[in-house]
Amino acid sequence: MSTLGAHRHRARRGVLTRAVCWVLIGSVAAVVAAAVLVPRLGGGTPYVILTGSMRPTLAPGSLVVTRPVAPAEIGLGSVITYQRASGEPTVVTHRVVAQGVSAIGEPVVRTRGDANPVVDPGWIRPVQIRGERWYDVPYVGYVSTLLSSSARQWLQLLVVAGLLLYAAYMLTAGVRLRFRPRFREAAR
């Protein structure tokens, strides 16, 4: 291969490598935005779907982001995340299939998972409801469930460090390319 051909091959490979890196950076940024940034800015809370009770709407491993809503805004067909018992950390994300009013006059709802043949036991009170589904991102929840809290923090740190190193590399490469012709002229 001639030197011109080798130079063109390296240039194409460099362009392809940069394109792949930018696509990867964009993908990671989109996932981080969907999973962390948008919920924080919009007042939402991300939850991971662990079971198949909401198939095909929400598959296991999906990240569902809920946002708080007034009980009056929840209607039949709404997908809500609620605590099984008031004050307990365990939550369920299911679809509202019935509405009613309790003996003390507060609105209550019944839910059922899309894949479940029977309605969930008990009525859900407004104090138990964490929010209504805002949006969901398939498969993103798997990362969260596979990693412990400390492992997730280390992974975030590694991703940030990798992106910073790549940015530093691109910056130095750009500076070298910009000043290289000046050094050649000065050497002549």
N, C-alpha and C. Protein backbone atom coordinates (compact mmCIF):
# COMPACT_ATOMS: atom_id res chain seq x y z
N MET A 1 0.85 -1.16 0.00
CA MET A 1 0.00 0.00 0.00
C MET A 1 0.90 1.23 0.00
N SER A 2 0.58 2.19 -0.84
CA SER A 2 1.37 3.42 -0.91
C SER A 2 1.15 4.26 0.35
N THR A 3 2.02 5.23 0.55
CA THR A 3 1.89 6.08 1.74
C THR A 3 0.60 6.91 1.68
N LEU A 4 0.21 7.31 0.46
CA LEU A 4 -1.04 8.05 0.33
C LEU A 4 -2.22 7.15 0.69
N GLY A 5 -2.20 5.91 0.22
CA GLY A 5 -3.27 4.95 0.54
C GLY A 5 -3.32 4.65 2.03
N ALA A 6 -2.16 4.51 2.65
CA ALA A 6 -2.11 4.25 4.10
C ALA A 6 -2.65 5.45 4.87
N HIS A 7 -2.31 6.64 4.40
CA HIS A 7 -2.79 7.86 5.06
C HIS A 7 -4.32 7.94 4.96
N ARG A 8 -4.86 7.66 3.77
CA ARG A 8 -6.32 7.68 3.59
C ARG A 8 -6.99 6.63 4.47
N HIS A 9 -6.39 5.44 4.56
CA HIS A 9 -6.95 4.37 5.39
C HIS A 9 -6.98 4.81 6.86
N ARG A 10 -5.88 5.39 7.36
CA ARG A 10 -5.84 5.88 8.74
C ARG A 10 -6.87 6.99 8.96
N ALA A 11 -7.01 7.86 7.98
CA ALA A 11 -7.97 8.97 8.10
C ALA A 11 -9.39 8.44 8.18
N ARG A 12 -9.74 7.46 7.33
CA ARG A 12 -11.08 6.86 7.36
C ARG A 12 -11.32 6.16 8.69
N ARG A 13 -10.32 5.42 9.16
CA ARG A 13 -10.44 4.71 10.42
C ARG A 13 -10.62 5.70 11.57
N GLY A 14 -9.90 6.82 11.52
CA GLY A 14 -10.03 7.85 12.56
C GLY A 14 -11.42 8.47 12.56
N VAL A 15 -11.96 8.74 11.38
CA VAL A 15 -13.30 9.32 11.28
C VAL A 15 -14.33 8.32 11.80
N LEU A 16 -14.19 7.06 11.42
CA LEU A 16 -15.11 6.03 11.88
C LEU A 16 -15.03 5.87 13.40
N THR A 17 -13.82 5.87 13.94
CA THR A 17 -13.65 5.75 15.39
C THR A 17 -14.30 6.92 16.11
N ARG A 18 -14.09 8.13 15.61
CA ARG A 18 -14.72 9.30 16.23
C ARG A 18 -16.23 9.22 16.14
N ALA A 19 -16.75 8.79 15.01
CA ALA A 19 -18.21 8.68 14.85
C ALA A 19 -18.79 7.67 15.84
N VAL A 20 -18.14 6.53 15.97
CA VAL A 20 -18.61 5.51 16.92
C VAL A 20 -18.55 6.06 18.34
N CYS A 21 -17.49 6.75 18.69
CA CYS A 21 -17.36 7.33 20.03
C CYS A 21 -18.45 8.36 20.29
N TRP A 22 -18.74 9.21 19.32
CA TRP A 22 -19.78 10.21 19.51
C TRP A 22 -21.16 9.57 19.62
N VAL A 23 -21.41 8.52 18.86
CA VAL A 23 -22.69 7.81 18.98
C VAL A 23 -22.79 7.18 20.37
N LEU A 24 -21.71 6.58 20.85
CA LEU A 24 -21.68 5.98 22.18
C LEU A 24 -21.90 7.05 23.25
N ILE A 25 -21.23 8.16 23.15
CA ILE A 25 -21.39 9.25 24.11
C ILE A 25 -22.82 9.77 24.08
N GLY A 26 -23.38 9.94 22.89
CA GLY A 26 -24.76 10.41 22.77
C GLY A 26 -25.75 9.43 23.37
N SER A 27 -25.52 8.14 23.16
CA SER A 27 -26.40 7.11 23.72
C SER A 27 -26.35 7.11 25.24
N VAL A 28 -25.15 7.17 25.78
CA VAL A 28 -25.00 7.20 27.24
C VAL A 28 -25.66 8.46 27.80
N ALA A 29 -25.46 9.58 27.14
CA ALA A 29 -26.06 10.83 27.60
C ALA A 29 -27.59 10.75 27.56
N ALA A 30 -28.15 10.14 26.52
CA ALA A 30 -29.61 10.01 26.43
C ALA A 30 -30.15 9.12 27.54
N VAL A 31 -29.46 8.02 27.83
CA VAL A 31 -29.90 7.12 28.89
C VAL A 31 -29.81 7.81 30.25
N VAL A 32 -28.70 8.51 30.48
CA VAL A 32 -28.54 9.24 31.75
C VAL A 32 -29.62 10.31 31.87
N ALA A 33 -29.90 11.01 30.79
CA ALA A 33 -30.93 12.04 30.82
C ALA A 33 -32.29 11.43 31.13
N ALA A 34 -32.62 10.31 30.49
CA ALA A 34 -33.92 9.67 30.71
C ALA A 34 -34.04 9.08 32.10
N ALA A 35 -32.94 8.55 32.63
CA ALA A 35 -33.00 7.85 33.90
C ALA A 35 -32.76 8.75 35.11
N VAL A 36 -32.02 9.83 34.94
CA VAL A 36 -31.64 10.64 36.10
C VAL A 36 -32.07 12.10 35.95
N LEU A 37 -31.63 12.74 34.89
CA LEU A 37 -31.81 14.18 34.75
C LEU A 37 -33.27 14.60 34.60
N VAL A 38 -33.99 14.02 33.65
CA VAL A 38 -35.38 14.40 33.40
C VAL A 38 -36.26 14.16 34.63
N PRO A 39 -36.15 12.98 35.29
CA PRO A 39 -36.98 12.81 36.50
C PRO A 39 -36.69 13.85 37.58
N ARG A 40 -35.43 14.18 37.78
CA ARG A 40 -35.10 15.17 38.83
C ARG A 40 -35.65 16.54 38.48
N LEU A 41 -35.49 16.96 37.24
CA LEU A 41 -35.98 18.27 36.83
C LEU A 41 -37.49 18.34 36.78
N GLY A 42 -38.13 17.23 36.43
CA GLY A 42 -39.59 17.20 36.29
C GLY A 42 -40.33 16.75 37.53
N GLY A 43 -39.61 16.48 38.61
CA GLY A 43 -40.26 16.06 39.85
C GLY A 43 -40.69 14.61 39.85
N GLY A 44 -40.14 13.81 38.93
CA GLY A 44 -40.50 12.40 38.86
C GLY A 44 -39.60 11.52 39.69
N THR A 45 -40.00 10.27 39.81
CA THR A 45 -39.22 9.28 40.55
C THR A 45 -39.07 8.03 39.68
N PRO A 46 -37.84 7.56 39.47
CA PRO A 46 -37.65 6.33 38.67
C PRO A 46 -37.82 5.08 39.53
N TYR A 47 -38.47 4.07 38.96
CA TYR A 47 -38.62 2.76 39.58
C TYR A 47 -38.29 1.70 38.54
N VAL A 48 -37.83 0.54 39.00
CA VAL A 48 -37.50 -0.56 38.10
C VAL A 48 -38.61 -1.61 38.19
N ILE A 49 -39.08 -2.06 37.03
CA ILE A 49 -40.07 -3.13 36.97
C ILE A 49 -39.34 -4.46 37.17
N LEU A 50 -39.70 -5.20 38.20
CA LEU A 50 -39.00 -6.44 38.54
C LEU A 50 -39.72 -7.70 38.07
N THR A 51 -41.03 -7.63 37.88
CA THR A 51 -41.79 -8.83 37.53
C THR A 51 -42.48 -8.64 36.18
N GLY A 52 -43.10 -9.70 35.71
CA GLY A 52 -43.81 -9.66 34.43
C GLY A 52 -45.29 -9.35 34.56
N SER A 53 -45.72 -8.82 35.71
CA SER A 53 -47.16 -8.59 35.91
C SER A 53 -47.73 -7.51 34.99
N MET A 54 -46.90 -6.66 34.42
CA MET A 54 -47.39 -5.61 33.53
C MET A 54 -47.06 -5.86 32.06
N ARG A 55 -46.67 -7.10 31.74
CA ARG A 55 -46.41 -7.42 30.33
C ARG A 55 -47.68 -7.27 29.53
N PRO A 56 -47.67 -6.89 28.32
CA PRO A 56 -46.56 -6.46 27.49
C PRO A 56 -46.26 -4.97 27.61
N THR A 57 -47.07 -4.25 28.38
CA THR A 57 -46.88 -2.80 28.50
C THR A 57 -45.52 -2.46 29.09
N LEU A 58 -45.19 -3.09 30.23
CA LEU A 58 -43.92 -2.82 30.92
C LEU A 58 -43.25 -4.16 31.21
N ALA A 59 -42.21 -4.47 30.46
CA ALA A 59 -41.50 -5.72 30.65
C ALA A 59 -40.55 -5.62 31.84
N PRO A 60 -40.21 -6.75 32.45
CA PRO A 60 -39.22 -6.71 33.52
C PRO A 60 -37.93 -6.06 33.02
N GLY A 61 -37.32 -5.25 33.87
CA GLY A 61 -36.11 -4.54 33.50
C GLY A 61 -36.36 -3.16 32.95
N SER A 62 -37.63 -2.80 32.77
CA SER A 62 -37.94 -1.45 32.31
C SER A 62 -37.78 -0.47 33.46
N LEU A 63 -37.37 0.73 33.13
CA LEU A 63 -37.32 1.81 34.10
C LEU A 63 -38.57 2.64 33.87
N VAL A 64 -39.44 2.72 34.87
CA VAL A 64 -40.65 3.52 34.75
C VAL A 64 -40.47 4.76 35.63
N VAL A 65 -40.76 5.91 35.05
CA VAL A 65 -40.65 7.17 35.78
C VAL A 65 -42.06 7.66 36.06
N THR A 66 -42.35 7.88 37.34
CA THR A 66 -43.67 8.36 37.73
C THR A 66 -43.55 9.79 38.22
N ARG A 67 -44.65 10.51 38.11
CA ARG A 67 -44.68 11.86 38.68
C ARG A 67 -45.95 11.99 39.51
N PRO A 68 -45.86 12.77 40.57
CA PRO A 68 -47.01 12.92 41.45
C PRO A 68 -48.20 13.52 40.72
N VAL A 69 -49.38 13.02 41.06
CA VAL A 69 -50.63 13.56 40.50
C VAL A 69 -51.66 13.63 41.61
N ALA A 70 -52.62 14.50 41.44
CA ALA A 70 -53.74 14.59 42.38
C ALA A 70 -54.63 13.36 42.19
N PRO A 71 -55.19 12.84 43.27
CA PRO A 71 -56.06 11.66 43.15
C PRO A 71 -57.20 11.84 42.13
N ALA A 72 -57.69 13.06 41.99
CA ALA A 72 -58.78 13.32 41.04
C ALA A 72 -58.33 13.15 39.59
N GLU A 73 -57.02 13.25 39.32
CA GLU A 73 -56.50 13.12 37.96
C GLU A 73 -56.29 11.67 37.55
N ILE A 74 -56.35 10.76 38.48
CA ILE A 74 -56.15 9.34 38.17
C ILE A 74 -57.47 8.77 37.69
N GLY A 75 -57.44 8.17 36.52
CA GLY A 75 -58.67 7.61 35.95
C GLY A 75 -58.50 6.13 35.62
N LEU A 76 -59.56 5.53 35.16
CA LEU A 76 -59.49 4.14 34.72
C LEU A 76 -58.46 4.03 33.60
N GLY A 77 -57.61 3.04 33.70
CA GLY A 77 -56.57 2.83 32.70
C GLY A 77 -55.25 3.48 33.03
N SER A 78 -55.22 4.36 34.03
CA SER A 78 -53.96 4.99 34.43
C SER A 78 -53.04 3.92 35.03
N VAL A 79 -51.75 4.05 34.77
CA VAL A 79 -50.76 3.16 35.38
C VAL A 79 -50.14 3.94 36.53
N ILE A 80 -50.30 3.40 37.75
CA ILE A 80 -49.81 4.10 38.94
C ILE A 80 -48.80 3.23 39.69
N THR A 81 -47.96 3.90 40.46
CA THR A 81 -47.04 3.22 41.37
C THR A 81 -47.52 3.56 42.77
N TYR A 82 -47.71 2.52 43.59
CA TYR A 82 -48.24 2.73 44.93
C TYR A 82 -47.54 1.82 45.93
N GLN A 83 -47.61 2.22 47.19
CA GLN A 83 -47.09 1.41 48.27
C GLN A 83 -48.13 0.35 48.61
N ARG A 84 -47.67 -0.88 48.85
CA ARG A 84 -48.61 -1.94 49.25
C ARG A 84 -49.31 -1.58 50.55
N ALA A 85 -48.53 -1.07 51.49
CA ALA A 85 -49.09 -0.60 52.75
C ALA A 85 -48.49 0.78 53.02
N SER A 86 -49.30 1.67 53.49
CA SER A 86 -48.85 3.03 53.73
C SER A 86 -47.62 3.05 54.63
N GLY A 87 -46.57 3.74 54.19
CA GLY A 87 -45.34 3.87 54.96
C GLY A 87 -44.30 2.80 54.67
N GLU A 88 -44.64 1.75 53.95
CA GLU A 88 -43.68 0.70 53.63
C GLU A 88 -42.96 1.03 52.32
N PRO A 89 -41.69 0.61 52.19
CA PRO A 89 -40.92 0.95 50.99
C PRO A 89 -41.31 0.16 49.74
N THR A 90 -41.92 -1.00 49.89
CA THR A 90 -42.27 -1.83 48.74
C THR A 90 -43.36 -1.16 47.91
N VAL A 91 -43.11 -1.04 46.60
CA VAL A 91 -44.08 -0.42 45.71
C VAL A 91 -44.48 -1.38 44.60
N VAL A 92 -45.63 -1.11 44.01
CA VAL A 92 -46.18 -1.90 42.90
C VAL A 92 -46.58 -0.92 41.81
N THR A 93 -46.35 -1.29 40.57
CA THR A 93 -46.81 -0.47 39.44
C THR A 93 -47.82 -1.29 38.66
N HIS A 94 -49.10 -0.90 38.73
CA HIS A 94 -50.19 -1.60 38.06
C HIS A 94 -51.19 -0.59 37.49
N ARG A 95 -52.13 -1.11 36.70
CA ARG A 95 -53.13 -0.28 36.03
C ARG A 95 -54.40 -0.17 36.90
N VAL A 96 -54.98 1.03 36.91
CA VAL A 96 -56.23 1.26 37.64
C VAL A 96 -57.38 0.62 36.85
N VAL A 97 -58.15 -0.26 37.54
CA VAL A 97 -59.27 -0.93 36.88
C VAL A 97 -60.62 -0.60 37.51
N ALA A 98 -60.60 0.06 38.68
CA ALA A 98 -61.86 0.46 39.32
C ALA A 98 -61.59 1.66 40.22
N GLN A 99 -62.63 2.49 40.36
CA GLN A 99 -62.54 3.66 41.23
C GLN A 99 -63.74 3.65 42.17
N GLY A 100 -63.53 4.24 43.33
CA GLY A 100 -64.62 4.31 44.28
C GLY A 100 -64.35 5.39 45.32
N VAL A 101 -65.19 5.38 46.35
CA VAL A 101 -65.06 6.33 47.45
C VAL A 101 -65.12 5.52 48.73
N SER A 102 -64.19 5.81 49.65
CA SER A 102 -64.14 5.06 50.92
C SER A 102 -65.26 5.52 51.85
N ALA A 103 -65.37 4.84 53.00
CA ALA A 103 -66.40 5.18 53.98
C ALA A 103 -66.20 6.57 54.56
N ILE A 104 -64.95 7.07 54.52
CA ILE A 104 -64.70 8.42 55.04
C ILE A 104 -64.71 9.48 53.94
N GLY A 105 -65.08 9.07 52.73
CA GLY A 105 -65.25 10.03 51.63
C GLY A 105 -64.03 10.30 50.78
N GLU A 106 -62.94 9.53 50.96
CA GLU A 106 -61.76 9.77 50.12
C GLU A 106 -61.81 8.85 48.88
N PRO A 107 -61.26 9.34 47.76
CA PRO A 107 -61.25 8.50 46.56
C PRO A 107 -60.30 7.31 46.75
N VAL A 108 -60.69 6.15 46.25
CA VAL A 108 -59.86 4.95 46.30
C VAL A 108 -59.88 4.28 44.94
N VAL A 109 -58.85 3.48 44.65
CA VAL A 109 -58.78 2.79 43.36
C VAL A 109 -58.41 1.33 43.58
N ARG A 110 -58.76 0.50 42.60
CA ARG A 110 -58.33 -0.90 42.56
C ARG A 110 -57.43 -1.04 41.34
N THR A 111 -56.44 -1.90 41.44
CA THR A 111 -55.48 -2.09 40.35
C THR A 111 -55.37 -3.55 39.98
N ARG A 112 -54.75 -3.75 38.82
CA ARG A 112 -54.46 -5.10 38.34
C ARG A 112 -53.30 -4.99 37.37
N GLY A 113 -52.38 -5.95 37.43
CA GLY A 113 -51.32 -6.02 36.44
C GLY A 113 -51.89 -6.46 35.11
N ASP A 114 -51.39 -5.92 34.02
CA ASP A 114 -51.93 -6.27 32.70
C ASP A 114 -51.87 -7.77 32.42
N ALA A 115 -50.87 -8.45 32.96
CA ALA A 115 -50.73 -9.89 32.72
C ALA A 115 -51.40 -10.73 33.80
N ASN A 116 -51.95 -10.11 34.82
CA ASN A 116 -52.58 -10.84 35.92
C ASN A 116 -54.05 -11.11 35.62
N PRO A 117 -54.55 -12.31 35.95
CA PRO A 117 -55.95 -12.62 35.68
C PRO A 117 -56.92 -12.04 36.72
N VAL A 118 -56.42 -11.67 37.91
CA VAL A 118 -57.31 -11.18 38.97
C VAL A 118 -56.88 -9.79 39.44
N VAL A 119 -57.84 -9.09 40.01
CA VAL A 119 -57.61 -7.75 40.54
C VAL A 119 -56.77 -7.87 41.81
N ASP A 120 -55.90 -6.86 42.05
CA ASP A 120 -55.09 -6.83 43.27
C ASP A 120 -56.01 -6.73 44.49
N PRO A 121 -55.63 -7.37 45.59
CA PRO A 121 -56.47 -7.30 46.80
C PRO A 121 -56.43 -5.90 47.42
N GLY A 122 -57.55 -5.47 47.92
CA GLY A 122 -57.63 -4.21 48.65
C GLY A 122 -57.72 -2.98 47.78
N TRP A 123 -58.28 -1.93 48.36
CA TRP A 123 -58.39 -0.64 47.70
C TRP A 123 -57.17 0.19 48.04
N ILE A 124 -56.70 0.98 47.10
CA ILE A 124 -55.53 1.82 47.31
C ILE A 124 -56.01 3.23 47.65
N ARG A 125 -55.49 3.75 48.77
CA ARG A 125 -55.84 5.09 49.22
C ARG A 125 -54.87 6.10 48.63
N PRO A 126 -55.27 7.37 48.54
CA PRO A 126 -54.39 8.40 47.97
C PRO A 126 -53.03 8.50 48.66
N VAL A 127 -52.96 8.27 49.97
CA VAL A 127 -51.71 8.37 50.70
C VAL A 127 -50.70 7.30 50.26
N GLN A 128 -51.18 6.22 49.67
CA GLN A 128 -50.30 5.14 49.22
C GLN A 128 -49.73 5.39 47.82
N ILE A 129 -50.35 6.25 47.05
CA ILE A 129 -49.98 6.46 45.65
C ILE A 129 -48.73 7.34 45.56
N ARG A 130 -47.70 6.80 44.90
CA ARG A 130 -46.44 7.53 44.70
C ARG A 130 -46.48 8.37 43.43
N GLY A 131 -47.26 7.96 42.46
CA GLY A 131 -47.36 8.74 41.23
C GLY A 131 -47.94 7.93 40.09
N GLU A 132 -48.18 8.63 38.99
CA GLU A 132 -48.69 8.02 37.76
C GLU A 132 -47.54 7.91 36.76
N ARG A 133 -47.57 6.85 35.93
CA ARG A 133 -46.49 6.67 34.96
C ARG A 133 -46.42 7.90 34.05
N TRP A 134 -45.20 8.44 33.97
CA TRP A 134 -44.92 9.57 33.09
C TRP A 134 -44.36 9.02 31.79
N TYR A 135 -43.31 8.19 31.89
CA TYR A 135 -42.74 7.51 30.73
C TYR A 135 -41.95 6.31 31.23
N ASP A 136 -41.55 5.46 30.31
CA ASP A 136 -40.72 4.30 30.68
C ASP A 136 -39.65 4.09 29.62
N VAL A 137 -38.55 3.48 30.07
CA VAL A 137 -37.42 3.19 29.19
C VAL A 137 -37.11 1.70 29.32
N PRO A 138 -37.34 0.92 28.26
CA PRO A 138 -37.09 -0.53 28.34
C PRO A 138 -35.62 -0.85 28.60
N TYR A 139 -35.37 -1.90 29.35
CA TYR A 139 -34.05 -2.50 29.62
C TYR A 139 -33.12 -1.68 30.52
N VAL A 140 -33.35 -0.41 30.70
CA VAL A 140 -32.44 0.41 31.50
C VAL A 140 -32.46 -0.02 32.96
N GLY A 141 -33.56 -0.52 33.42
CA GLY A 141 -33.65 -0.95 34.80
C GLY A 141 -32.76 -2.14 35.13
N TYR A 142 -32.40 -2.94 34.12
CA TYR A 142 -31.52 -4.09 34.37
C TYR A 142 -30.19 -3.65 34.98
N VAL A 143 -29.65 -2.56 34.50
CA VAL A 143 -28.37 -2.06 35.03
C VAL A 143 -28.53 -1.77 36.52
N SER A 144 -29.63 -1.15 36.87
CA SER A 144 -29.87 -0.79 38.26
C SER A 144 -30.05 -2.03 39.13
N THR A 145 -30.76 -3.03 38.65
CA THR A 145 -31.01 -4.23 39.47
C THR A 145 -29.78 -5.12 39.57
N LEU A 146 -28.91 -5.10 38.58
CA LEU A 146 -27.72 -5.94 38.62
C LEU A 146 -26.64 -5.39 39.55
N LEU A 147 -26.67 -4.11 39.78
CA LEU A 147 -25.61 -3.48 40.55
C LEU A 147 -26.10 -3.05 41.93
N SER A 148 -25.25 -3.21 42.91
CA SER A 148 -25.56 -2.69 44.24
C SER A 148 -25.41 -1.17 44.21
N SER A 149 -25.79 -0.52 45.26
CA SER A 149 -25.71 0.94 45.32
C SER A 149 -24.26 1.43 45.17
N SER A 150 -23.33 0.77 45.85
CA SER A 150 -21.93 1.21 45.75
C SER A 150 -21.35 0.90 44.38
N ALA A 151 -21.75 -0.24 43.79
CA ALA A 151 -21.28 -0.58 42.44
C ALA A 151 -21.82 0.41 41.42
N ARG A 152 -23.08 0.84 41.60
CA ARG A 152 -23.66 1.84 40.71
C ARG A 152 -22.89 3.15 40.78
N GLN A 153 -22.49 3.55 41.99
CA GLN A 153 -21.72 4.78 42.15
C GLN A 153 -20.36 4.66 41.47
N TRP A 154 -19.71 3.50 41.62
CA TRP A 154 -18.42 3.29 40.95
C TRP A 154 -18.57 3.31 39.43
N LEU A 155 -19.63 2.68 38.93
CA LEU A 155 -19.86 2.66 37.49
C LEU A 155 -20.08 4.08 36.97
N GLN A 156 -20.87 4.87 37.69
CA GLN A 156 -21.08 6.26 37.28
C GLN A 156 -19.76 7.03 37.27
N LEU A 157 -18.95 6.81 38.30
CA LEU A 157 -17.65 7.46 38.38
C LEU A 157 -16.75 7.06 37.21
N LEU A 158 -16.75 5.77 36.87
CA LEU A 158 -15.94 5.29 35.74
C LEU A 158 -16.42 5.88 34.41
N VAL A 159 -17.74 5.94 34.23
CA VAL A 159 -18.27 6.51 32.99
C VAL A 159 -17.89 7.99 32.87
N VAL A 160 -18.05 8.72 33.96
CA VAL A 160 -17.69 10.15 33.95
C VAL A 160 -16.20 10.31 33.68
N ALA A 161 -15.36 9.51 34.35
CA ALA A 161 -13.91 9.59 34.15
C ALA A 161 -13.56 9.26 32.70
N GLY A 162 -14.19 8.23 32.15
CA GLY A 162 -13.93 7.86 30.76
C GLY A 162 -14.31 8.97 29.79
N LEU A 163 -15.46 9.59 30.03
CA LEU A 163 -15.89 10.69 29.16
C LEU A 163 -14.94 11.89 29.28
N LEU A 164 -14.49 12.17 30.50
CA LEU A 164 -13.54 13.27 30.68
C LEU A 164 -12.20 12.98 30.00
N LEU A 165 -11.72 11.74 30.11
CA LEU A 165 -10.47 11.37 29.45
C LEU A 165 -10.61 11.47 27.94
N TYR A 166 -11.75 11.02 27.41
CA TYR A 166 -11.97 11.12 25.98
C TYR A 166 -12.02 12.59 25.54
N ALA A 167 -12.68 13.43 26.33
CA ALA A 167 -12.74 14.86 26.01
C ALA A 167 -11.34 15.47 26.03
N ALA A 168 -10.52 15.10 27.02
CA ALA A 168 -9.15 15.62 27.09
C ALA A 168 -8.34 15.15 25.89
N TYR A 169 -8.50 13.89 25.50
CA TYR A 169 -7.80 13.36 24.33
C TYR A 169 -8.20 14.13 23.07
N MET A 170 -9.50 14.34 22.89
CA MET A 170 -9.98 15.06 21.70
C MET A 170 -9.46 16.50 21.70
N LEU A 171 -9.42 17.13 22.87
CA LEU A 171 -8.93 18.50 22.96
C LEU A 171 -7.46 18.58 22.61
N THR A 172 -6.65 17.69 23.15
CA THR A 172 -5.21 17.72 22.85
C THR A 172 -4.95 17.35 21.40
N ALA A 173 -5.71 16.42 20.87
CA ALA A 173 -5.55 16.06 19.45
C ALA A 173 -5.89 17.25 18.56
N GLY A 174 -6.94 17.99 18.92
CA GLY A 174 -7.31 19.17 18.14
C GLY A 174 -6.26 20.25 18.23
N VAL A 175 -5.70 20.46 19.40
CA VAL A 175 -4.65 21.47 19.57
C VAL A 175 -3.41 21.08 18.77
N ARG A 176 -3.03 19.79 18.83
CA ARG A 176 -1.87 19.34 18.05
C ARG A 176 -2.08 19.54 16.56
N LEU A 177 -3.26 19.21 16.07
CA LEU A 177 -3.53 19.39 14.64
C LEU A 177 -3.51 20.87 14.25
N ARG A 178 -4.00 21.69 15.14
CA ARG A 178 -4.07 23.12 14.83
C ARG A 178 -2.68 23.75 14.76
N PHE A 179 -1.79 23.35 15.66
CA PHE A 179 -0.47 23.98 15.73
C PHE A 179 0.60 23.23 14.95
N ARG A 180 0.33 22.05 14.45
CA ARG A 180 1.32 21.27 13.72
C ARG A 180 1.85 22.02 12.49
N PRO A 181 1.01 22.62 11.65
CA PRO A 181 1.56 23.35 10.48
C PRO A 181 2.48 24.50 10.88
N ARG A 182 2.21 25.15 11.97
CA ARG A 182 3.05 26.27 12.40
C ARG A 182 4.44 25.77 12.79
N PHE A 183 4.50 24.60 13.46
CA PHE A 183 5.80 24.05 13.84
C PHE A 183 6.60 23.63 12.61
N ARG A 184 5.92 23.11 11.61
CA ARG A 184 6.63 22.71 10.38
C ARG A 184 7.20 23.91 9.66
N GLU A 185 6.39 25.00 9.60
CA GLU A 185 6.88 26.22 8.95
C GLU A 185 8.05 26.81 9.70
N ALA A 186 8.01 26.77 11.02
CA ALA A 186 9.08 27.33 11.83
C ALA A 186 10.36 26.50 11.66
N ALA A 187 10.22 25.23 11.43
CA ALA A 187 11.39 24.35 11.27
C ALA A 187 12.07 24.55 9.93
N ARG A 188 11.37 25.07 8.96
CA ARG A 188 11.94 25.26 7.63
C ARG A 188 12.84 26.40 7.65
